[in-house]
Amino acid sequence: MTDTVDDVDLPYDENATSQQEQIEVLQERLEVLESQNEEMRDRLLDANAENNKYQQKLERLTHENKKLKQSPLFVATVQELTDEGVVIKQHGNNQEALTEVTAEMREDLAPDDRVAVNNSLSIVKRLEKETDVRARVMQVEHSPDIAYEDIGGLDDQMQEVRETVEMPLERPEMFEEVGIQPPSGVLLHGPPGTGKTMLAKAVANQTDATFIKMAGSELVHKFIGEGAKLVRDLFEVARENEPAVIFIDEIDAIASKRTDSKTSGDAEVQRTMMQLLSEMDGFDERGEIRIIAATNRFDMLDPAILRPGRFDRLIEVPKPDYAGREIIFRIHTRKMNVSDTVDFEVLAELAEEASGADIKAICTEAGMFAIREDRTEVTMTDFKEAYDKLQRTDETDVTDSLAFA
């Protein structure tokens, strides 16, 4: 009898289906395990990175702890090198001592070198030359954005400054062929706001020399000898970075006429000035260092600093004339949205006693008038109102000063 379809067992098909499901389950479990393995691998990498970080921190703290446990070193100065050893003088107590050094270290030492010594006054290492960090901070890293074309009405003054500062640095052969020494310094003097500092900024922008700027008041210090030391360090930084230009603003703060005053403050200012005089034209050659100074009080300066050799050129920077005022108005309005009705010749005639700084203030105030009225164009009326406002401010200041006098 032939079996019907219903009577036949199908163990093979059922087993096959079961195996397929098992394979799929196993594949899913494999994927899960691989994912977990990948996750554990990432966590292990993170743990190793964290361990390395803490290991480095441990090494650093161990090194710092070791340094803190060490005895401090003392600073001393080499006085003399003899056949028996090196004579040093310890700072603070001026104690002198004779100590031995290796032949290799002896070759690197010279009188006046700063060295570090231990408790037994043995030289551990040679120190770098001491220079006040304040002197290094005065070095200008980025040139100002002021160019000669941004200065108006000072063509003659600009020419003299460029001849004194730029030409000796760029074309020294011209002076050698003529047989003269180039001017060593220039002093700019005149009323406030006439462009003395702007001239110095333009020089810093134009020249490739190292530019060092400072104010005279920065050289006035409380303790004896500190101002003179800063002056020495300032010129030392300039010598290390030759060619260099040193700009001293408000030089009258340290170079005023010497008096018979016996106060410690006046005596310290005079010591600082004498150090400045020595650096400008002393026994040692100045080298490729040019000096620019500026002051509003030319009448207060000591005659010693004005003589040739220190400042070979004394350049007066006066208030601008009519033509200069017109140029300055045009310079300060180059980026302004000015109406066609603005007449710079009339403005130059109106601001008769204005300095360059006053004209800049007038232009700024005129722009503020337009902003207050929600306009983007500055008119002639704005300039006139700005001038009148500044005039009223000046008159009020004069009245107040007379009232307090």
Protein backbone atom coordinates (compact mmCIF):
# COMPACT_ATOMS: atom_id res chain seq x y z
CA MET A 1 0.00 0.00 0.00
CA THR A 2 1.39 3.36 -0.94
CA ASP A 3 1.76 5.95 1.81
CA THR A 4 -0.18 9.18 1.50
CA VAL A 5 1.38 12.53 2.07
CA ASP A 6 -0.30 12.91 5.44
CA ASP A 7 1.21 9.66 6.68
CA VAL A 8 4.83 10.59 5.92
CA ASP A 9 7.10 11.95 8.80
CA LEU A 10 9.35 14.84 7.90
CA PRO A 11 12.09 14.75 10.52
CA TYR A 12 14.72 16.04 8.08
CA ASP A 13 12.88 19.26 7.29
CA GLU A 14 12.12 19.94 10.92
CA ASN A 15 15.75 19.37 11.87
CA ALA A 16 16.90 21.61 9.05
CA THR A 17 14.62 24.39 10.23
CA SER A 18 15.85 24.01 13.78
CA GLN A 19 19.50 24.15 12.73
CA GLN A 20 18.87 27.32 10.69
CA GLU A 21 17.31 29.00 13.67
CA GLN A 22 20.17 27.89 15.87
CA ILE A 23 22.68 29.31 13.39
CA GLU A 24 20.85 32.64 13.34
CA VAL A 25 20.73 32.73 17.13
CA LEU A 26 24.42 31.94 17.32
CA GLN A 27 25.20 34.64 14.77
CA GLU A 28 23.23 37.16 16.80
CA ARG A 29 25.10 36.12 19.94
CA LEU A 30 28.37 36.38 18.06
CA GLU A 31 27.53 39.89 16.95
CA VAL A 32 26.63 40.83 20.52
CA LEU A 33 29.90 39.38 21.80
CA GLU A 34 31.90 41.17 19.11
CA SER A 35 30.17 44.43 20.01
CA GLN A 36 30.92 43.86 23.70
CA ASN A 37 34.51 42.99 22.84
CA GLU A 38 34.86 46.21 20.82
CA GLU A 39 33.40 48.18 23.68
CA MET A 40 35.76 46.55 26.18
CA ARG A 41 38.70 47.28 23.85
CA ASP A 42 37.73 50.98 23.72
CA ARG A 43 37.36 51.09 27.48
CA LEU A 44 40.78 49.45 27.83
CA LEU A 45 42.35 52.09 25.54
CA ASP A 46 40.69 54.86 27.55
CA ALA A 47 41.92 53.28 30.77
CA ASN A 48 45.47 53.05 29.39
CA ALA A 49 45.37 56.71 28.32
CA GLU A 50 44.07 57.71 31.75
CA ASN A 51 46.77 55.59 33.37
CA ASN A 52 49.46 57.27 31.27
CA LYS A 53 48.14 60.68 32.26
CA TYR A 54 48.23 59.83 35.97
CA GLN A 55 51.65 58.24 35.51
CA GLN A 56 53.00 61.46 34.02
CA LYS A 57 51.39 63.47 36.82
CA LEU A 58 52.96 61.13 39.38
CA GLU A 59 56.39 61.54 37.78
CA ARG A 60 56.01 65.33 37.73
CA LEU A 61 54.92 65.46 41.38
CA THR A 62 57.74 63.09 42.33
CA HIS A 63 60.24 65.35 40.52
CA GLU A 64 58.82 68.48 42.18
CA ASN A 65 58.88 66.78 45.57
CA LYS A 66 62.51 65.84 44.99
CA LYS A 67 63.37 69.43 44.03
CA LEU A 68 61.61 70.80 47.12
CA LYS A 69 63.65 68.50 49.34
CA GLN A 70 66.90 69.71 47.78
CA SER A 71 68.89 72.49 49.41
CA PRO A 72 68.47 75.86 47.67
CA LEU A 73 71.25 77.31 45.56
CA PHE A 74 72.70 80.75 46.21
CA VAL A 75 73.61 83.39 43.64
CA ALA A 76 77.18 84.65 43.50
CA THR A 77 79.43 86.61 41.16
CA VAL A 78 82.81 85.50 39.84
CA GLN A 79 85.43 87.98 41.03
CA GLU A 80 88.67 86.44 39.79
CA LEU A 81 90.07 83.27 38.20
CA THR A 82 93.35 82.19 39.85
CA ASP A 83 95.62 79.16 39.66
CA GLU A 84 94.22 77.92 42.98
CA GLY A 85 90.57 78.20 41.89
CA VAL A 86 87.82 80.76 41.39
CA VAL A 87 87.16 83.67 43.74
CA ILE A 88 83.43 84.30 44.12
CA LYS A 89 81.39 86.85 46.07
CA GLN A 90 78.02 85.75 47.39
CA HIS A 91 75.15 88.16 46.88
CA GLY A 92 73.56 89.65 49.97
CA ASN A 93 76.34 89.27 52.50
CA ASN A 94 79.27 90.12 50.16
CA GLN A 95 81.15 87.11 51.49
CA GLU A 96 84.12 86.13 49.31
CA ALA A 97 85.28 82.56 48.93
CA LEU A 98 87.81 80.54 46.94
CA THR A 99 86.35 77.43 45.32
CA GLU A 100 87.61 74.84 42.87
CA VAL A 101 85.92 74.04 39.56
CA THR A 102 86.43 71.52 36.80
CA ALA A 103 88.59 72.44 33.82
CA GLU A 104 85.55 72.29 31.55
CA MET A 105 83.54 74.72 33.69
CA ARG A 106 86.54 77.00 34.13
CA GLU A 107 86.64 77.61 30.36
CA ASP A 108 83.07 78.93 30.45
CA LEU A 109 83.62 81.32 33.34
CA ALA A 110 84.79 84.92 33.27
CA PRO A 111 84.91 87.76 35.81
CA ASP A 112 81.47 89.29 36.59
CA ASP A 113 79.63 86.11 35.53
CA ARG A 114 76.66 85.13 37.71
CA VAL A 115 76.84 81.58 39.09
CA ALA A 116 74.76 79.35 41.35
CA VAL A 117 76.55 77.88 44.39
CA ASN A 118 75.46 75.31 46.99
CA ASN A 119 75.82 75.37 50.78
CA SER A 120 79.51 74.52 50.53
CA LEU A 121 79.96 77.45 48.06
CA SER A 122 80.86 75.09 45.23
CA ILE A 123 79.82 76.35 41.78
CA VAL A 124 76.95 74.25 40.43
CA LYS A 125 76.23 76.07 37.17
CA ARG A 126 76.70 79.34 35.33
CA LEU A 127 73.65 81.60 35.15
CA GLU A 128 72.50 83.66 32.21
CA LYS A 129 73.19 87.37 32.17
CA GLU A 130 70.74 89.26 34.36
CA THR A 131 68.38 91.58 32.53
CA ASP A 132 65.32 93.18 34.10
CA VAL A 133 62.19 91.57 32.63
CA ARG A 134 60.59 95.04 32.52
CA ALA A 135 63.17 96.09 29.94
CA ARG A 136 62.33 93.10 27.73
CA VAL A 137 58.60 93.77 28.00
CA MET A 138 59.18 97.22 26.47
CA GLN A 139 60.26 95.62 23.19
CA VAL A 140 57.52 96.07 20.57
CA GLU A 141 56.62 92.73 18.96
CA HIS A 142 54.01 93.99 16.48
CA SER A 143 54.47 97.18 14.47
CA PRO A 144 51.85 99.92 14.93
CA ASP A 145 49.42 100.46 12.05
CA ILE A 146 50.44 104.13 11.71
CA ALA A 147 52.23 105.05 8.46
CA TYR A 148 53.76 108.31 7.29
CA GLU A 149 50.77 108.99 5.05
CA ASP A 150 48.58 109.02 8.19
CA ILE A 151 50.40 112.12 9.47
CA GLY A 152 49.56 115.50 8.01
CA GLY A 153 51.27 118.89 8.12
CA LEU A 154 54.64 117.60 9.35
CA ASP A 155 56.56 117.00 6.13
CA ASP A 156 59.73 118.77 7.27
CA GLN A 157 59.70 117.02 10.64
CA MET A 158 59.15 113.63 9.00
CA GLN A 159 62.08 114.25 6.66
CA GLU A 160 64.43 115.05 9.55
CA VAL A 161 63.29 112.03 11.58
CA ARG A 162 63.78 109.70 8.61
CA GLU A 163 67.26 111.13 7.96
CA THR A 164 68.20 110.57 11.60
CA VAL A 165 66.69 107.14 12.20
CA GLU A 166 65.99 105.29 8.95
CA MET A 167 68.76 106.41 6.61
CA PRO A 168 71.72 105.38 8.86
CA LEU A 169 70.16 101.91 9.20
CA GLU A 170 69.23 101.44 5.54
CA ARG A 171 72.09 103.25 3.77
CA PRO A 172 75.10 103.47 6.12
CA GLU A 173 77.46 103.57 3.14
CA MET A 174 76.26 107.11 2.31
CA PHE A 175 77.63 108.42 5.59
CA GLU A 176 80.89 106.51 5.15
CA GLU A 177 81.41 107.99 1.69
CA VAL A 178 80.76 111.53 2.92
CA GLY A 179 82.93 110.88 5.98
CA ILE A 180 80.53 111.86 8.80
CA GLN A 181 78.94 110.08 11.72
CA PRO A 182 75.15 109.69 11.39
CA PRO A 183 72.98 111.60 13.87
CA SER A 184 72.50 109.48 16.96
CA GLY A 185 69.27 110.82 18.41
CA VAL A 186 66.31 113.08 17.80
CA LEU A 187 64.21 114.97 20.34
CA LEU A 188 60.66 115.91 19.36
CA HIS A 189 59.20 118.79 21.34
CA GLY A 190 56.03 120.82 21.07
CA PRO A 191 52.49 121.26 22.45
CA PRO A 192 50.38 118.20 23.33
CA GLY A 193 48.54 116.47 20.49
CA THR A 194 50.72 117.67 17.63
CA GLY A 195 51.85 114.24 16.44
CA LYS A 196 55.13 113.51 18.26
CA THR A 197 54.14 110.00 19.31
CA MET A 198 52.57 109.34 15.91
CA LEU A 199 55.92 110.12 14.26
CA ALA A 200 57.58 107.52 16.48
CA LYS A 201 54.86 104.97 15.63
CA ALA A 202 55.40 105.61 11.93
CA VAL A 203 59.12 104.97 12.36
CA ALA A 204 58.34 101.69 14.15
CA ASN A 205 56.03 100.73 11.28
CA GLN A 206 58.55 101.62 8.57
CA THR A 207 61.86 100.30 9.90
CA ASP A 208 62.89 96.67 10.29
CA ALA A 209 64.95 97.49 13.38
CA THR A 210 63.96 96.35 16.85
CA PHE A 211 61.67 99.02 18.37
CA ILE A 212 61.67 99.56 22.13
CA LYS A 213 59.20 102.01 23.66
CA MET A 214 58.89 103.36 27.16
CA ALA A 215 57.63 106.35 29.13
CA GLY A 216 59.96 108.48 31.21
CA SER A 217 57.82 107.86 34.28
CA GLU A 218 58.56 104.12 34.03
CA LEU A 219 62.18 104.86 34.93
CA VAL A 220 61.25 106.61 38.18
CA HIS A 221 61.45 104.10 41.04
CA LYS A 222 61.33 104.12 44.81
CA PHE A 223 64.53 102.27 45.68
CA ILE A 224 68.03 103.60 45.16
CA GLY A 225 69.68 102.44 41.95
CA GLU A 226 66.61 100.66 40.56
CA GLY A 227 65.91 103.29 37.87
CA ALA A 228 69.55 103.38 36.77
CA LYS A 229 69.63 99.58 36.55
CA LEU A 230 66.50 99.59 34.36
CA VAL A 231 68.18 102.10 32.02
CA ARG A 232 71.26 99.83 31.74
CA ASP A 233 69.08 96.81 31.05
CA LEU A 234 67.06 98.74 28.48
CA PHE A 235 70.17 99.57 26.45
CA GLU A 236 71.48 96.03 26.95
CA VAL A 237 68.32 94.65 25.33
CA ALA A 238 68.83 97.12 22.48
CA ARG A 239 72.45 95.98 22.01
CA GLU A 240 71.37 92.34 21.92
CA ASN A 241 68.88 93.15 19.16
CA GLU A 242 70.83 95.64 17.01
CA PRO A 243 69.90 97.54 14.95
CA ALA A 244 67.43 99.03 17.41
CA VAL A 245 65.39 102.19 17.98
CA ILE A 246 64.56 103.33 21.52
CA PHE A 247 61.59 105.67 21.94
CA ILE A 248 61.33 107.54 25.27
CA ASP A 249 58.04 109.39 25.66
CA GLU A 250 57.69 112.21 28.21
CA ILE A 251 61.44 112.28 28.78
CA ASP A 252 61.09 115.35 31.01
CA ALA A 253 60.03 112.95 33.82
CA ILE A 254 63.67 111.90 34.28
CA ALA A 255 65.64 114.58 32.41
CA SER A 256 64.51 117.79 34.07
CA LYS A 257 67.04 120.43 35.12
CA ARG A 258 69.17 119.43 38.08
CA THR A 259 68.60 121.38 41.29
CA ASP A 260 70.16 121.60 44.76
CA SER A 261 67.29 119.59 46.25
CA LYS A 262 68.47 117.04 48.82
CA THR A 263 65.36 114.88 48.93
CA SER A 264 65.89 111.20 48.21
CA GLY A 265 63.30 111.25 45.41
CA ASP A 266 64.99 114.04 43.48
CA ALA A 267 68.41 112.44 44.03
CA GLU A 268 67.18 109.12 42.64
CA VAL A 269 65.72 110.82 39.54
CA GLN A 270 69.06 112.56 38.97
CA ARG A 271 70.94 109.26 39.31
CA THR A 272 68.63 107.74 36.71
CA MET A 273 69.23 110.69 34.38
CA MET A 274 73.02 110.44 34.78
CA GLN A 275 72.86 106.77 33.83
CA LEU A 276 70.80 107.72 30.77
CA LEU A 277 73.37 110.37 29.83
CA SER A 278 76.17 107.81 30.16
CA GLU A 279 74.35 105.26 27.98
CA MET A 280 73.54 107.85 25.30
CA ASP A 281 77.06 109.24 24.98
CA GLY A 282 79.45 107.65 27.43
CA PHE A 283 82.76 105.82 27.25
CA ASP A 284 81.34 102.75 25.49
CA GLU A 285 80.19 102.85 21.88
CA ARG A 286 76.43 102.93 21.48
CA GLY A 287 76.46 100.85 18.30
CA GLU A 288 73.53 100.66 15.89
CA ILE A 289 71.10 102.16 18.38
CA ARG A 290 69.04 105.24 17.54
CA ILE A 291 67.07 107.20 20.13
CA ILE A 292 63.83 109.14 19.69
CA ALA A 293 62.46 111.13 22.60
CA ALA A 294 59.38 113.32 22.98
CA THR A 295 58.37 115.99 25.47
CA ASN A 296 55.78 118.73 25.95
CA ARG A 297 58.06 120.65 28.33
CA PHE A 298 61.21 121.46 26.41
CA ASP A 299 61.97 124.31 28.85
CA MET A 300 62.32 121.84 31.74
CA LEU A 301 65.05 119.67 30.20
CA ASP A 302 68.60 119.65 31.56
CA PRO A 303 71.17 121.24 29.19
CA ALA A 304 73.38 118.13 29.43
CA ILE A 305 70.85 115.98 27.61
CA LEU A 306 70.34 118.55 24.84
CA ARG A 307 73.93 118.80 23.71
CA PRO A 308 75.05 117.27 20.38
CA GLY A 309 76.14 113.66 20.72
CA ARG A 310 73.09 112.80 22.74
CA PHE A 311 70.37 114.46 20.74
CA ASP A 312 71.88 115.74 17.50
CA ARG A 313 68.54 117.02 16.26
CA LEU A 314 66.01 119.01 18.27
CA ILE A 315 62.85 119.06 16.17
CA GLU A 316 59.94 121.28 17.08
CA VAL A 317 56.52 119.82 16.27
CA PRO A 318 54.15 122.82 16.30
CA LYS A 319 50.42 122.98 15.86
CA PRO A 320 49.50 122.58 12.18
CA ASP A 321 49.04 125.58 9.92
CA TYR A 322 46.06 126.12 7.62
CA ALA A 323 47.28 123.68 4.95
CA GLY A 324 48.23 121.11 7.57
CA ARG A 325 44.80 121.30 9.24
CA GLU A 326 43.09 120.68 5.91
CA ILE A 327 45.27 117.62 5.26
CA ILE A 328 44.60 116.28 8.76
CA PHE A 329 40.84 116.70 8.30
CA ARG A 330 41.06 114.72 5.07
CA ILE A 331 43.17 112.00 6.72
CA HIS A 332 40.74 111.46 9.61
CA THR A 333 37.68 111.42 7.32
CA ARG A 334 39.06 108.95 4.75
CA LYS A 335 36.97 106.12 6.14
CA MET A 336 33.95 108.26 7.06
CA ASN A 337 30.81 108.57 4.97
CA VAL A 338 31.08 112.32 4.46
CA SER A 339 28.49 114.42 2.64
CA ASP A 340 29.47 116.29 -0.53
CA THR A 341 28.56 119.52 1.28
CA VAL A 342 31.54 119.20 3.65
CA ASP A 343 34.15 121.84 2.85
CA PHE A 344 37.52 120.95 4.38
CA GLU A 345 38.98 124.37 3.61
CA VAL A 346 36.26 126.03 5.69
CA LEU A 347 36.83 123.52 8.51
CA ALA A 348 40.58 124.17 8.44
CA GLU A 349 39.95 127.89 8.73
CA LEU A 350 37.36 127.39 11.48
CA ALA A 351 39.62 125.21 13.69
CA GLU A 352 42.38 127.82 13.76
CA GLU A 353 44.09 126.81 17.03
CA ALA A 354 43.36 123.08 16.81
CA SER A 355 46.09 120.47 17.08
CA GLY A 356 46.11 117.19 15.22
CA ALA A 357 44.51 115.45 18.23
CA ASP A 358 41.82 118.16 18.39
CA ILE A 359 40.97 117.63 14.72
CA LYS A 360 40.64 113.89 15.25
CA ALA A 361 38.31 114.55 18.18
CA ILE A 362 36.20 116.89 16.01
CA CYS A 363 35.82 114.22 13.34
CA THR A 364 34.85 111.58 15.89
CA GLU A 365 32.32 113.87 17.56
CA ALA A 366 30.82 114.81 14.18
CA GLY A 367 30.26 111.13 13.47
CA MET A 368 28.55 110.76 16.86
CA PHE A 369 26.12 113.56 15.98
CA ALA A 370 25.13 111.63 12.83
CA ILE A 371 24.68 108.40 14.81
CA ARG A 372 22.45 110.10 17.37
CA GLU A 373 20.13 111.22 14.57
CA ASP A 374 20.18 107.75 13.00
CA ARG A 375 22.04 108.93 9.90
CA THR A 376 24.88 107.22 8.05
CA GLU A 377 26.19 110.40 6.39
CA VAL A 378 28.14 113.11 8.21
CA THR A 379 27.29 116.66 7.16
CA MET A 380 28.98 120.03 7.43
CA THR A 381 26.59 120.96 10.23
CA ASP A 382 27.80 117.96 12.25
CA PHE A 383 31.41 119.15 12.00
CA LYS A 384 30.51 122.69 13.06
CA GLU A 385 28.47 121.47 16.02
CA ALA A 386 31.29 119.12 17.01
CA TYR A 387 33.77 122.01 16.91
CA ASP A 388 31.46 124.22 19.00
CA LYS A 389 31.01 121.45 21.56
CA LEU A 390 34.74 120.93 21.96
CA GLN A 391 35.24 124.69 22.25
CA ARG A 392 32.69 124.86 25.07
CA THR A 393 34.45 121.96 26.80
CA ASP A 394 37.81 123.73 26.60
CA GLU A 395 36.33 126.96 27.98
CA THR A 396 34.75 125.06 30.88
CA ASP A 397 38.07 123.41 31.71
CA VAL A 398 39.84 126.79 31.74
CA THR A 399 37.16 128.30 33.98
CA ASP A 400 37.37 125.40 36.42
CA SER A 401 41.16 125.64 36.59
CA LEU A 402 40.97 129.38 37.33
CA ALA A 403 38.38 128.75 40.05
CA PHE A 404 40.62 126.25 41.82
CA ALA A 405 43.72 128.43 41.43
